Amino acid sequence: MVNILLAGSSGQLGQELLPQLRELGEVTGVDRSVAAGDKRTVSQDLADLNRVEVLLNRTRPDVVVNAAAYTAVDRAESESVAAFRLNAELPGCLARWAQRNGRFLLHYSTDYVFGGDAERPYRETDPTGPLNAYGESKLAGEWAIASSGCRHLVLRTSWVYSAHGNNFVLTMLRLARERPELSIVSDQTGCPTWARNLAAVSRRLLERARGDGGTHDVAGLYHYCDGDALNWYDFARTIFATAHELGLLERLPVTRPVPSSEFPQIAERPLNSVLDTTAVRETFDIEPAGLQASLRTCLEQLVQND
């Protein structure tokens, strides 16, 4: 039986990872907020690295999965210390413990480690160049893991959404109910990724990378995102159309595409953050899911929850 520690188990990705990881072994969740009656999750401030290490030494997991992150991109500009604590120092702490104890680490990074000026999807080997503190902190986390020498998988992903948490899909649904007209950025392109798909892929990668029926030579850095690239404006219109069809929206809002220059944000975003998934597809025989079916299933989950 594999013992797995899941950091960030209450987040949007963590909630989707729990059932997937339980197919592999016994899972202990760790997060600051724990639901009442949840005896399989430990309440822990993951920014307190000393207590994190105490927890690791007590639980002795075979695999550490780190889904915890500071994800407030704009707020990270003024809270860079907090962002680097969770996005760089915590992964480094987990990685060093994994290296000392011969354990395996799975960690998640972001498309925002890139500058966005490429004219094609970004490969794992392309130069990085984050435009904001959030991207810098996530890149520092990647470096901390690589320099630790531990056996690991780092998955860069993009535009993650789900039926819970804070994400673009839920924000657009809320705004569509509140406002008759919306202006949405149309010159930033990426690949929306359903957290459930990312969790399912994570399980498959862990099975292979840890040697369960496979080889041990596939650890390292990979890109995974769902298969369709589009801009925020087109993504929003797809959300609205699907939500309206499912009865989640009574009316369709009027939408207006605008360039980033007309939609000022505190943190600069890359114009192109599409990730090339060739390596993960060829190494693990994985075909990224499409947007339409994934988004519909996610929104159907919201219908069931109403």
Protein backbone atom coordinates (compact mmCIF):
# COMPACT_ATOMS: atom_id res chain seq x y z
CA MET A 1 0.00 0.00 0.00
CA VAL A 2 1.42 3.36 -1.09
CA ASN A 3 1.13 6.18 1.45
CA ILE A 4 0.53 9.57 -0.18
CA LEU A 5 0.55 13.03 1.39
CA LEU A 6 -1.47 15.58 -0.58
CA ALA A 7 -0.63 19.20 0.24
CA GLY A 8 -3.40 21.62 -0.71
CA SER A 9 -6.11 18.97 -0.56
CA SER A 10 -8.95 21.49 -0.11
CA GLY A 11 -8.15 23.51 -3.24
CA GLN A 12 -9.80 23.10 -6.62
CA LEU A 13 -7.11 20.72 -7.88
CA GLY A 14 -6.68 19.01 -4.52
CA GLN A 15 -10.36 18.09 -4.36
CA GLU A 16 -10.11 16.43 -7.77
CA LEU A 17 -6.85 14.69 -6.87
CA LEU A 18 -8.23 13.00 -3.76
CA PRO A 19 -10.35 10.31 -5.50
CA GLN A 20 -7.65 9.70 -8.12
CA LEU A 21 -4.87 9.26 -5.58
CA ARG A 22 -7.02 6.98 -3.42
CA GLU A 23 -6.92 4.51 -6.30
CA LEU A 24 -3.18 4.29 -5.71
CA GLY A 25 -3.07 4.03 -1.93
CA GLU A 26 -3.79 5.67 1.41
CA VAL A 27 -4.04 9.47 1.15
CA THR A 28 -3.52 12.01 3.91
CA GLY A 29 -4.74 15.46 2.94
CA VAL A 30 -3.10 18.59 4.34
CA ASP A 31 -4.55 22.09 4.16
CA ARG A 32 -5.29 25.10 6.30
CA SER A 33 -9.06 24.62 6.05
CA VAL A 34 -10.57 21.22 6.86
CA ALA A 35 -14.24 20.28 6.57
CA ALA A 36 -15.97 19.33 9.81
CA GLY A 37 -15.79 15.59 10.40
CA ASP A 38 -12.98 15.04 7.88
CA LYS A 39 -10.63 12.67 9.70
CA ARG A 40 -8.37 12.06 6.70
CA THR A 41 -7.19 15.67 6.37
CA VAL A 42 -4.70 17.38 8.67
CA SER A 43 -5.19 21.07 9.41
CA GLN A 44 -1.83 22.71 8.79
CA ASP A 45 -0.57 26.12 7.73
CA LEU A 46 1.62 25.11 4.80
CA ALA A 47 3.55 28.37 5.05
CA ASP A 48 4.97 27.14 8.38
CA LEU A 49 7.79 25.06 6.94
CA ASN A 50 9.06 23.80 10.30
CA ARG A 51 5.68 22.28 11.08
CA VAL A 52 5.45 20.90 7.54
CA GLU A 53 8.71 19.02 8.08
CA VAL A 54 7.47 17.71 11.43
CA LEU A 55 4.35 16.43 9.67
CA LEU A 56 6.42 14.75 6.96
CA ASN A 57 8.58 13.00 9.53
CA ARG A 58 5.50 11.83 11.42
CA THR A 59 3.52 10.54 8.43
CA ARG A 60 6.49 9.25 6.36
CA PRO A 61 4.67 9.27 2.99
CA ASP A 62 6.02 7.31 0.03
CA VAL A 63 4.79 10.01 -2.34
CA VAL A 64 4.27 13.73 -1.73
CA VAL A 65 1.86 15.51 -4.07
CA ASN A 66 1.98 19.30 -3.84
CA ALA A 67 -1.19 20.95 -5.09
CA ALA A 68 -0.79 23.91 -2.72
CA ALA A 69 -0.03 27.27 -4.28
CA TYR A 70 -0.41 31.01 -3.97
CA THR A 71 -2.46 31.73 -7.11
CA ALA A 72 -3.63 35.34 -6.75
CA VAL A 73 -1.65 36.70 -9.71
CA ASP A 74 -2.35 40.40 -9.14
CA ARG A 75 -2.07 40.29 -5.36
CA ALA A 76 1.30 38.54 -5.64
CA GLU A 77 2.78 41.84 -6.88
CA SER A 78 2.27 43.35 -3.42
CA GLU A 79 2.50 40.07 -1.47
CA SER A 80 5.57 38.57 -3.09
CA VAL A 81 6.92 37.27 0.22
CA ALA A 82 3.77 35.19 0.75
CA ALA A 83 3.79 34.07 -2.89
CA PHE A 84 7.42 32.92 -2.74
CA ARG A 85 6.79 31.21 0.60
CA LEU A 86 4.12 28.90 -0.84
CA ASN A 87 5.29 28.69 -4.46
CA ALA A 88 9.05 28.40 -3.97
CA GLU A 89 10.04 27.71 -0.36
CA LEU A 90 7.36 25.09 0.32
CA PRO A 91 8.23 23.04 -2.81
CA GLY A 92 11.89 23.30 -1.85
CA CYS A 93 11.14 22.03 1.65
CA LEU A 94 9.12 19.08 0.29
CA ALA A 95 11.79 18.28 -2.30
CA ARG A 96 14.67 18.28 0.18
CA TRP A 97 12.74 15.99 2.51
CA ALA A 98 11.92 13.67 -0.42
CA GLN A 99 15.59 13.58 -1.44
CA ARG A 100 16.83 12.79 2.07
CA ASN A 101 14.29 10.03 2.53
CA GLY A 102 14.22 8.50 -0.94
CA ARG A 103 10.63 9.54 -1.61
CA PHE A 104 8.90 10.83 -4.76
CA LEU A 105 7.45 14.33 -5.32
CA LEU A 106 4.76 15.46 -7.76
CA HIS A 107 4.45 19.24 -8.09
CA TYR A 108 2.46 21.62 -10.29
CA SER A 109 3.74 24.74 -12.03
CA THR A 110 2.31 27.22 -14.50
CA ASP A 111 2.35 28.55 -18.05
CA TYR A 112 3.14 31.96 -16.53
CA VAL A 113 6.82 31.04 -16.26
CA PHE A 114 6.99 32.11 -19.93
CA GLY A 115 7.09 35.63 -21.32
CA GLY A 116 4.47 35.08 -24.01
CA ASP A 117 6.36 36.32 -27.08
CA ALA A 118 6.73 32.93 -28.79
CA GLU A 119 4.83 32.31 -32.02
CA ARG A 120 4.26 28.62 -31.23
CA PRO A 121 3.34 26.55 -28.16
CA TYR A 122 6.02 26.48 -25.48
CA ARG A 123 8.13 23.35 -25.02
CA GLU A 124 9.68 22.22 -21.75
CA THR A 125 13.13 23.17 -23.07
CA ASP A 126 12.23 26.73 -24.08
CA PRO A 127 13.76 29.65 -22.16
CA THR A 128 11.58 30.98 -19.36
CA GLY A 129 10.93 34.65 -18.69
CA PRO A 130 8.06 35.34 -16.28
CA LEU A 131 6.41 38.75 -16.48
CA ASN A 132 5.05 38.89 -12.93
CA ALA A 133 5.83 37.93 -9.34
CA TYR A 134 3.52 34.93 -9.46
CA GLY A 135 5.38 33.46 -12.43
CA GLU A 136 8.73 34.25 -10.82
CA SER A 137 7.71 32.47 -7.62
CA LYS A 138 6.52 29.38 -9.49
CA LEU A 139 9.73 29.25 -11.52
CA ALA A 140 11.74 29.50 -8.30
CA GLY A 141 9.78 26.50 -7.04
CA GLU A 142 10.77 24.52 -10.13
CA TRP A 143 14.42 25.41 -9.56
CA ALA A 144 14.24 24.43 -5.89
CA ILE A 145 12.90 20.99 -6.78
CA ALA A 146 15.42 20.39 -9.57
CA SER A 147 18.36 21.45 -7.40
CA SER A 148 17.29 19.17 -4.52
CA GLY A 149 18.13 16.05 -6.48
CA CYS A 150 14.92 14.28 -5.47
CA ARG A 151 13.00 12.04 -7.86
CA HIS A 152 10.12 14.12 -9.06
CA LEU A 153 7.56 15.07 -11.65
CA VAL A 154 6.79 18.74 -12.26
CA LEU A 155 3.70 19.39 -14.36
CA ARG A 156 3.31 22.83 -15.88
CA THR A 157 -0.34 23.46 -16.63
CA SER A 158 -2.57 26.39 -17.57
CA TRP A 159 -5.89 28.14 -17.03
CA VAL A 160 -7.18 25.56 -14.53
CA TYR A 161 -10.91 25.57 -13.80
CA SER A 162 -13.37 23.39 -11.89
CA ALA A 163 -16.80 23.46 -10.28
CA HIS A 164 -15.33 24.78 -7.02
CA GLY A 165 -12.74 27.26 -5.86
CA ASN A 166 -11.81 30.52 -7.57
CA ASN A 167 -11.38 30.30 -11.33
CA PHE A 168 -12.30 31.96 -14.61
CA VAL A 169 -15.35 29.79 -15.27
CA LEU A 170 -17.03 30.56 -11.95
CA THR A 171 -16.07 34.23 -12.17
CA MET A 172 -17.60 34.55 -15.65
CA LEU A 173 -20.83 32.86 -14.52
CA ARG A 174 -21.11 35.25 -11.58
CA LEU A 175 -20.44 38.33 -13.71
CA ALA A 176 -22.89 37.16 -16.39
CA ARG A 177 -25.64 37.05 -13.75
CA GLU A 178 -24.70 40.47 -12.38
CA ARG A 179 -24.10 42.48 -15.57
CA PRO A 180 -25.85 42.69 -18.95
CA GLU A 181 -22.61 43.51 -20.80
CA LEU A 182 -19.03 42.31 -20.30
CA SER A 183 -15.69 43.36 -21.79
CA ILE A 184 -13.23 40.47 -21.97
CA VAL A 185 -9.57 40.34 -22.98
CA SER A 186 -9.13 38.86 -26.45
CA ASP A 187 -5.36 38.96 -27.07
CA GLN A 188 -4.14 36.51 -24.40
CA THR A 189 -4.15 32.90 -25.61
CA GLY A 190 -3.84 29.72 -23.57
CA CYS A 191 -5.31 26.28 -22.99
CA PRO A 192 -8.12 25.95 -20.41
CA THR A 193 -7.62 22.80 -18.33
CA TRP A 194 -10.28 21.06 -16.26
CA ALA A 195 -8.88 20.16 -12.85
CA ARG A 196 -10.46 16.71 -13.06
CA ASN A 197 -8.57 15.94 -16.27
CA LEU A 198 -5.33 17.15 -14.69
CA ALA A 199 -5.95 14.93 -11.66
CA ALA A 200 -6.61 11.85 -13.80
CA VAL A 201 -3.44 12.47 -15.81
CA SER A 202 -1.51 12.93 -12.57
CA ARG A 203 -2.52 9.48 -11.38
CA ARG A 204 -1.37 7.89 -14.64
CA LEU A 205 1.94 9.71 -14.52
CA LEU A 206 2.56 8.67 -10.92
CA GLU A 207 1.87 5.03 -11.73
CA ARG A 208 4.45 5.11 -14.50
CA ALA A 209 7.08 7.34 -12.91
CA ARG A 210 7.19 5.40 -9.65
CA GLY A 211 7.77 2.16 -11.53
CA ASP A 212 4.35 0.56 -10.93
CA GLY A 213 4.31 -1.57 -14.03
CA GLY A 214 6.59 0.83 -15.84
CA THR A 215 10.10 2.26 -15.79
CA HIS A 216 11.85 4.73 -13.55
CA ASP A 217 13.31 6.89 -16.31
CA VAL A 218 10.39 9.22 -16.99
CA ALA A 219 10.66 11.62 -14.04
CA GLY A 220 11.26 15.30 -14.74
CA LEU A 221 9.44 18.31 -16.18
CA TYR A 222 6.38 17.99 -18.43
CA HIS A 223 3.65 20.19 -19.86
CA TYR A 224 0.02 19.12 -19.55
CA CYS A 225 -3.03 21.13 -20.50
CA ASP A 226 -6.28 20.21 -22.20
CA GLY A 227 -6.21 20.19 -25.96
CA ASP A 228 -7.81 23.41 -27.23
CA ALA A 229 -6.07 26.79 -27.37
CA LEU A 230 -8.15 29.97 -27.42
CA ASN A 231 -8.25 33.46 -25.94
CA TRP A 232 -10.11 34.58 -22.81
CA TYR A 233 -12.88 36.19 -24.86
CA ASP A 234 -13.63 33.03 -26.84
CA PHE A 235 -13.38 30.93 -23.70
CA ALA A 236 -15.92 33.18 -21.97
CA ARG A 237 -18.33 32.96 -24.91
CA THR A 238 -18.04 29.17 -24.83
CA ILE A 239 -18.79 29.20 -21.10
CA PHE A 240 -21.84 31.43 -21.56
CA ALA A 241 -23.28 29.40 -24.44
CA THR A 242 -22.88 26.09 -22.62
CA ALA A 243 -24.17 27.46 -19.32
CA HIS A 244 -27.22 28.97 -21.05
CA GLU A 245 -27.95 25.66 -22.77
CA LEU A 246 -27.79 23.86 -19.42
CA GLY A 247 -30.02 26.40 -17.68
CA LEU A 248 -27.31 27.94 -15.51
CA LEU A 249 -27.81 31.35 -17.17
CA GLU A 250 -31.22 32.81 -17.90
CA ARG A 251 -29.81 35.15 -20.53
CA LEU A 252 -26.64 35.55 -22.54
CA PRO A 253 -24.67 38.71 -21.72
CA VAL A 254 -23.51 41.05 -24.46
CA THR A 255 -19.77 40.51 -24.81
CA ARG A 256 -17.12 42.85 -26.18
CA PRO A 257 -13.55 41.78 -27.02
CA VAL A 258 -10.87 44.17 -25.77
CA PRO A 259 -7.06 44.17 -25.94
CA SER A 260 -5.02 43.87 -22.76
CA SER A 261 -4.16 47.56 -23.08
CA GLU A 262 -7.82 48.43 -22.43
CA PHE A 263 -8.08 46.08 -19.48
CA PRO A 264 -5.36 47.22 -17.08
CA GLN A 265 -4.31 44.70 -14.44
CA ILE A 266 -1.73 45.03 -11.70
CA ALA A 267 0.31 42.08 -12.99
CA GLU A 268 1.31 41.75 -16.63
CA ARG A 269 0.19 38.53 -18.34
CA PRO A 270 1.81 36.71 -21.29
CA LEU A 271 -0.02 37.11 -24.59
CA ASN A 272 0.77 33.53 -25.60
CA SER A 273 1.00 30.88 -22.89
CA VAL A 274 -0.01 27.84 -24.93
CA LEU A 275 1.93 24.77 -23.79
CA ASP A 276 3.27 22.09 -26.14
CA THR A 277 2.20 18.71 -24.72
CA THR A 278 4.14 16.51 -27.16
CA ALA A 279 6.49 15.14 -24.47
CA VAL A 280 3.76 14.01 -22.07
CA ARG A 281 1.69 12.57 -24.92
CA GLU A 282 4.55 10.53 -26.33
CA THR A 283 6.11 9.47 -23.03
CA PHE A 284 2.92 8.47 -21.22
CA ASP A 285 0.60 7.73 -24.17
CA ILE A 286 -1.86 10.41 -23.06
CA GLU A 287 -4.20 12.32 -25.33
CA PRO A 288 -5.29 15.67 -23.85
CA ALA A 289 -9.04 16.10 -23.50
CA GLY A 290 -10.98 18.63 -25.54
CA LEU A 291 -12.58 21.77 -24.13
CA GLN A 292 -16.21 21.30 -25.13
CA ALA A 293 -16.85 17.95 -23.47
CA SER A 294 -14.79 18.82 -20.37
CA LEU A 295 -16.46 22.19 -19.85
CA ARG A 296 -19.93 20.71 -20.32
CA THR A 297 -19.29 18.00 -17.74
CA CYS A 298 -17.90 20.57 -15.31
CA LEU A 299 -20.95 22.81 -15.73
CA GLU A 300 -23.29 19.82 -15.39
CA GLN A 301 -21.72 19.33 -11.98
CA LEU A 302 -22.87 22.86 -11.07
CA VAL A 303 -26.39 22.02 -12.26
CA GLN A 304 -26.43 18.99 -9.96
CA ASN A 305 -25.20 21.11 -7.06
CA ASP A 306 -27.96 23.72 -7.46
